[in-house]
Amino acid sequence: MAVEIKYVVVRKGEEKMTFASKKEADAYDKMLDMAEVFCDWLSAAPLDMVENQREALGMFLSENKDAVQHILRTSKMPEAESSRPVASVAALTAEDADADAEEKKPKAGRIKAA
């Protein structure tokens, strides 16, 4: 009988991901922490975004933190292949975006999310 050690990242009682190494689990947990902070920060922005859009954008930014840091430092797009956006977080589907647009009407003096 083999014994395997697995590291499980749990958020709000929900298993998010399982890893074979503690280092990978810690890195993923840190990324989720960063995504949560981005989401909270975006909720204070003068943008009309529903919660799932803020969460998706927060996760996208945290998954691509190296590219974000490069852009902030240099004001230029990263050229390296490794800095290309991660495709694991999909944008809202066209149906979700249409439903969200119907829910929210533009408010004067506020920026509407694209």
C-alpha atoms as a PDB file:
ATOM      1  CA  MET A   1       0.000   0.000   0.000  1.00  0.00           C
ATOM      2  CA  ALA A   2       1.369   3.402  -1.020  1.00  0.00           C
ATOM      3  CA  VAL A   3       0.992   6.527   1.044  1.00  0.00           C
ATOM      4  CA  GLU A   4       0.561   9.822  -0.762  1.00  0.00           C
ATOM      5  CA  ILE A   5       0.590  13.270   0.734  1.00  0.00           C
ATOM      6  CA  LYS A   6      -1.704  15.789  -0.936  1.00  0.00           C
ATOM      7  CA  TYR A   7      -2.043  19.458  -0.177  1.00  0.00           C
ATOM      8  CA  VAL A   8      -5.543  20.831  -0.643  1.00  0.00           C
ATOM      9  CA  VAL A   9      -6.287  24.544  -0.953  1.00  0.00           C
ATOM     10  CA  VAL A  10      -9.643  25.254   0.711  1.00  0.00           C
ATOM     11  CA  ARG A  11     -11.506  28.591   0.525  1.00  0.00           C
ATOM     12  CA  LYS A  12     -14.743  29.251   2.384  1.00  0.00           C
ATOM     13  CA  GLY A  13     -15.193  25.538   2.972  1.00  0.00           C
ATOM     14  CA  GLU A  14     -14.775  24.697  -0.726  1.00  0.00           C
ATOM     15  CA  GLU A  15     -11.855  22.683  -2.094  1.00  0.00           C
ATOM     16  CA  LYS A  16     -10.252  24.768  -4.822  1.00  0.00           C
ATOM     17  CA  MET A  17      -7.272  22.684  -5.928  1.00  0.00           C
ATOM     18  CA  THR A  18      -5.122  19.741  -4.854  1.00  0.00           C
ATOM     19  CA  PHE A  19      -1.335  19.715  -5.183  1.00  0.00           C
ATOM     20  CA  ALA A  20       1.444  17.199  -4.667  1.00  0.00           C
ATOM     21  CA  SER A  21       3.817  19.747  -3.107  1.00  0.00           C
ATOM     22  CA  LYS A  22       3.395  22.269  -0.320  1.00  0.00           C
ATOM     23  CA  LYS A  23       5.248  24.894  -2.369  1.00  0.00           C
ATOM     24  CA  GLU A  24       2.722  24.691  -5.224  1.00  0.00           C
ATOM     25  CA  ALA A  25      -0.219  24.765  -2.805  1.00  0.00           C
ATOM     26  CA  ASP A  26       1.187  27.825  -1.025  1.00  0.00           C
ATOM     27  CA  ALA A  27       1.773  29.615  -4.350  1.00  0.00           C
ATOM     28  CA  TYR A  28      -1.816  28.932  -5.448  1.00  0.00           C
ATOM     29  CA  ASP A  29      -3.163  30.058  -2.073  1.00  0.00           C
ATOM     30  CA  LYS A  30      -1.146  33.272  -2.338  1.00  0.00           C
ATOM     31  CA  MET A  31      -2.540  33.851  -5.842  1.00  0.00           C
ATOM     32  CA  LEU A  32      -6.083  33.441  -4.497  1.00  0.00           C
ATOM     33  CA  ASP A  33      -5.302  35.930  -1.703  1.00  0.00           C
ATOM     34  CA  MET A  34      -4.069  38.415  -4.288  1.00  0.00           C
ATOM     35  CA  ALA A  35      -7.157  37.888  -6.462  1.00  0.00           C
ATOM     36  CA  GLU A  36      -9.381  38.562  -3.449  1.00  0.00           C
ATOM     37  CA  VAL A  37      -7.540  41.811  -2.692  1.00  0.00           C
ATOM     38  CA  PHE A  38      -7.818  42.895  -6.336  1.00  0.00           C
ATOM     39  CA  CYS A  39     -11.553  42.138  -6.221  1.00  0.00           C
ATOM     40  CA  ASP A  40     -12.003  44.199  -3.057  1.00  0.00           C
ATOM     41  CA  TRP A  41      -9.979  47.039  -4.580  1.00  0.00           C
ATOM     42  CA  LEU A  42     -12.050  46.947  -7.788  1.00  0.00           C
ATOM     43  CA  SER A  43     -15.284  47.158  -5.771  1.00  0.00           C
ATOM     44  CA  ALA A  44     -14.164  50.601  -4.576  1.00  0.00           C
ATOM     45  CA  ALA A  45     -13.446  51.769  -8.145  1.00  0.00           C
ATOM     46  CA  PRO A  46     -15.931  53.992  -9.977  1.00  0.00           C
ATOM     47  CA  LEU A  47     -16.822  51.193 -12.395  1.00  0.00           C
ATOM     48  CA  ASP A  48     -20.111  49.455 -13.058  1.00  0.00           C
ATOM     49  CA  MET A  49     -19.034  45.852 -12.559  1.00  0.00           C
ATOM     50  CA  VAL A  50     -20.971  42.981 -11.090  1.00  0.00           C
ATOM     51  CA  GLU A  51     -19.265  40.762  -8.541  1.00  0.00           C
ATOM     52  CA  ASN A  52     -18.435  37.918 -10.939  1.00  0.00           C
ATOM     53  CA  GLN A  53     -16.733  40.394 -13.299  1.00  0.00           C
ATOM     54  CA  ARG A  54     -14.653  41.795 -10.421  1.00  0.00           C
ATOM     55  CA  GLU A  55     -13.728  38.270  -9.326  1.00  0.00           C
ATOM     56  CA  ALA A  56     -12.736  37.232 -12.872  1.00  0.00           C
ATOM     57  CA  LEU A  57     -10.682  40.394 -13.377  1.00  0.00           C
ATOM     58  CA  GLY A  58      -9.054  40.005  -9.945  1.00  0.00           C
ATOM     59  CA  MET A  59      -8.110  36.411 -10.746  1.00  0.00           C
ATOM     60  CA  PHE A  60      -6.793  37.419 -14.183  1.00  0.00           C
ATOM     61  CA  LEU A  61      -4.621  40.146 -12.664  1.00  0.00           C
ATOM     62  CA  SER A  62      -3.254  37.825  -9.973  1.00  0.00           C
ATOM     63  CA  GLU A  63      -2.525  35.043 -12.499  1.00  0.00           C
ATOM     64  CA  ASN A  64      -0.645  37.572 -14.630  1.00  0.00           C
ATOM     65  CA  LYS A  65       1.066  39.461 -11.808  1.00  0.00           C
ATOM     66  CA  ASP A  66       4.473  39.366 -13.523  1.00  0.00           C
ATOM     67  CA  ALA A  67       3.073  41.091 -16.616  1.00  0.00           C
ATOM     68  CA  VAL A  68       1.196  43.607 -14.424  1.00  0.00           C
ATOM     69  CA  GLN A  69       4.386  44.391 -12.487  1.00  0.00           C
ATOM     70  CA  HIS A  70       6.329  44.816 -15.734  1.00  0.00           C
ATOM     71  CA  ILE A  71       3.708  47.197 -17.138  1.00  0.00           C
ATOM     72  CA  LEU A  72       3.684  49.233 -13.914  1.00  0.00           C
ATOM     73  CA  ARG A  73       7.496  49.465 -13.874  1.00  0.00           C
ATOM     74  CA  THR A  74       8.094  50.214 -17.552  1.00  0.00           C
ATOM     75  CA  SER A  75       4.757  51.422 -18.976  1.00  0.00           C
ATOM     76  CA  LYS A  76       5.311  48.910 -21.792  1.00  0.00           C
ATOM     77  CA  MET A  77       3.859  45.543 -22.704  1.00  0.00           C
ATOM     78  CA  PRO A  78       6.061  42.580 -21.771  1.00  0.00           C
ATOM     79  CA  GLU A  79       7.729  41.004 -24.798  1.00  0.00           C
ATOM     80  CA  ALA A  80       8.537  37.577 -23.347  1.00  0.00           C
ATOM     81  CA  GLU A  81       6.340  34.657 -24.329  1.00  0.00           C
ATOM     82  CA  SER A  82       5.919  33.764 -20.633  1.00  0.00           C
ATOM     83  CA  SER A  83       4.273  37.133 -19.975  1.00  0.00           C
ATOM     84  CA  ARG A  84       1.344  36.465 -22.269  1.00  0.00           C
ATOM     85  CA  PRO A  85      -2.047  36.432 -20.507  1.00  0.00           C
ATOM     86  CA  VAL A  86      -2.996  33.179 -18.833  1.00  0.00           C
ATOM     87  CA  ALA A  87      -5.983  31.580 -20.520  1.00  0.00           C
ATOM     88  CA  SER A  88      -7.266  29.684 -17.477  1.00  0.00           C
ATOM     89  CA  VAL A  89      -9.655  32.445 -16.418  1.00  0.00           C
ATOM     90  CA  ALA A  90     -12.193  32.923 -19.187  1.00  0.00           C
ATOM     91  CA  ALA A  91     -14.021  36.217 -19.550  1.00  0.00           C
ATOM     92  CA  LEU A  92     -17.731  36.218 -19.043  1.00  0.00           C
ATOM     93  CA  THR A  93     -19.625  34.518 -21.818  1.00  0.00           C
ATOM     94  CA  ALA A  94     -21.595  36.655 -24.218  1.00  0.00           C
ATOM     95  CA  GLU A  95     -24.799  35.552 -22.466  1.00  0.00           C
ATOM     96  CA  ASP A  96     -23.520  36.612 -19.036  1.00  0.00           C
ATOM     97  CA  ALA A  97     -22.275  39.925 -20.389  1.00  0.00           C
ATOM     98  CA  ASP A  98     -25.640  40.596 -22.049  1.00  0.00           C
ATOM     99  CA  ALA A  99     -27.517  39.653 -18.872  1.00  0.00           C
ATOM    100  CA  ASP A 100     -25.256  41.883 -16.790  1.00  0.00           C
ATOM    101  CA  ALA A 101     -25.740  44.774 -19.214  1.00  0.00           C
ATOM    102  CA  GLU A 102     -29.515  44.451 -18.892  1.00  0.00           C
ATOM    103  CA  GLU A 103     -29.295  44.381 -15.084  1.00  0.00           C
ATOM    104  CA  LYS A 104     -27.214  47.518 -14.847  1.00  0.00           C
ATOM    105  CA  LYS A 105     -27.997  50.776 -16.576  1.00  0.00           C
ATOM    106  CA  PRO A 106     -25.278  53.384 -17.028  1.00  0.00           C
ATOM    107  CA  LYS A 107     -25.171  56.038 -14.338  1.00  0.00           C
ATOM    108  CA  ALA A 108     -24.230  59.618 -15.083  1.00  0.00           C
ATOM    109  CA  GLY A 109     -20.637  60.461 -14.183  1.00  0.00           C
ATOM    110  CA  ARG A 110     -19.549  56.828 -13.888  1.00  0.00           C
ATOM    111  CA  ILE A 111     -17.371  54.795 -16.187  1.00  0.00           C
ATOM    112  CA  LYS A 112     -19.104  51.769 -17.655  1.00  0.00           C
ATOM    113  CA  ALA A 113     -17.044  48.571 -17.863  1.00  0.00           C
ATOM    114  CA  ALA A 114     -16.600  47.231 -21.365  1.00  0.00           C
END
